[in-house]
Amino acid sequence: MKKIIYYIGLFSSEVQKMLEKANVIVGGEIKEEDIHLDKLTPEFIEVVLGILERYDLIKLCLILCNRF
């Protein structure tokens, strides 16, 4: 889960902003070990699912849905 969020956060400025807003990352630098899955909001999960769906990564969508 953290890897999915980490890699999406590397290329999506929208995800980076949401991670900063949720206090998941500080200073704009994403570190996989700093991502706390309990702090993620349903809106954030929805954005990540939208990005995964846009790139036809359906298996990753299912993994994310199973987690939450």
Protein backbone atom coordinates (compact mmCIF):
# COMPACT_ATOMS: atom_id res chain seq x y z
CA MET A 1 0.00 0.00 0.00
CA LYS A 2 2.73 2.42 0.92
CA LYS A 3 4.59 1.68 -2.30
CA ILE A 4 1.51 2.44 -4.40
CA ILE A 5 0.97 5.77 -2.65
CA TYR A 6 4.69 6.57 -2.75
CA TYR A 7 5.04 6.03 -6.49
CA ILE A 8 1.84 7.89 -7.35
CA GLY A 9 2.98 10.75 -5.12
CA LEU A 10 6.21 11.03 -7.07
CA PHE A 11 4.48 12.08 -10.29
CA SER A 12 1.15 13.51 -9.11
CA SER A 13 1.21 17.00 -7.62
CA GLU A 14 -2.41 16.55 -6.54
CA VAL A 15 -1.48 13.54 -4.41
CA GLN A 16 1.52 15.39 -2.96
CA LYS A 17 -0.71 18.29 -1.88
CA MET A 18 -3.20 15.94 -0.27
CA LEU A 19 -0.42 14.09 1.58
CA GLU A 20 0.91 17.39 2.93
CA LYS A 21 -2.58 18.50 3.93
CA ALA A 22 -3.13 15.25 5.84
CA ASN A 23 0.25 15.68 7.57
CA VAL A 24 1.43 12.44 6.04
CA ILE A 25 4.52 14.13 4.59
CA VAL A 26 6.37 17.27 5.62
CA GLY A 27 8.46 19.55 3.47
CA GLY A 28 7.32 18.19 0.13
CA GLU A 29 9.60 15.15 0.20
CA ILE A 30 7.82 11.82 0.16
CA LYS A 31 9.42 8.99 2.08
CA GLU A 32 7.76 5.61 1.98
CA GLU A 33 8.40 4.96 5.67
CA ASP A 34 6.67 8.24 6.66
CA ILE A 35 3.34 7.34 5.05
CA HIS A 36 0.82 6.45 7.73
CA LEU A 37 -2.10 4.55 6.25
CA ASP A 38 -4.35 5.35 9.21
CA LYS A 39 -4.19 9.08 8.42
CA LEU A 40 -5.50 8.73 4.88
CA THR A 41 -8.94 10.18 4.23
CA PRO A 42 -11.61 8.63 2.00
CA GLU A 43 -11.21 11.60 -0.37
CA PHE A 44 -7.52 10.82 -0.73
CA ILE A 45 -8.24 7.16 -1.47
CA GLU A 46 -10.77 8.27 -4.08
CA VAL A 47 -8.18 10.46 -5.83
CA VAL A 48 -5.62 7.65 -5.84
CA LEU A 49 -8.20 5.22 -7.24
CA GLY A 50 -9.03 7.74 -9.97
CA ILE A 51 -5.37 8.02 -10.95
CA LEU A 52 -4.94 4.25 -11.01
CA GLU A 53 -8.09 3.85 -13.08
CA ARG A 54 -6.95 6.53 -15.53
CA TYR A 55 -3.85 4.46 -16.28
CA ASP A 56 -5.80 1.16 -16.41
CA LEU A 57 -4.11 -0.26 -13.31
CA ILE A 58 -7.17 -2.20 -12.25
CA LYS A 59 -5.29 -4.80 -10.20
CA LEU A 60 -3.74 -2.03 -8.08
CA CYS A 61 -7.22 -0.52 -7.64
CA LEU A 62 -8.46 -3.84 -6.31
CA ILE A 63 -5.52 -4.09 -3.91
CA LEU A 64 -6.27 -0.60 -2.61
CA CYS A 65 -9.99 -1.34 -2.25
CA ASN A 66 -9.29 -4.55 -0.37
CA ARG A 67 -7.11 -2.66 2.11
CA PHE A 68 -9.71 0.02 2.82
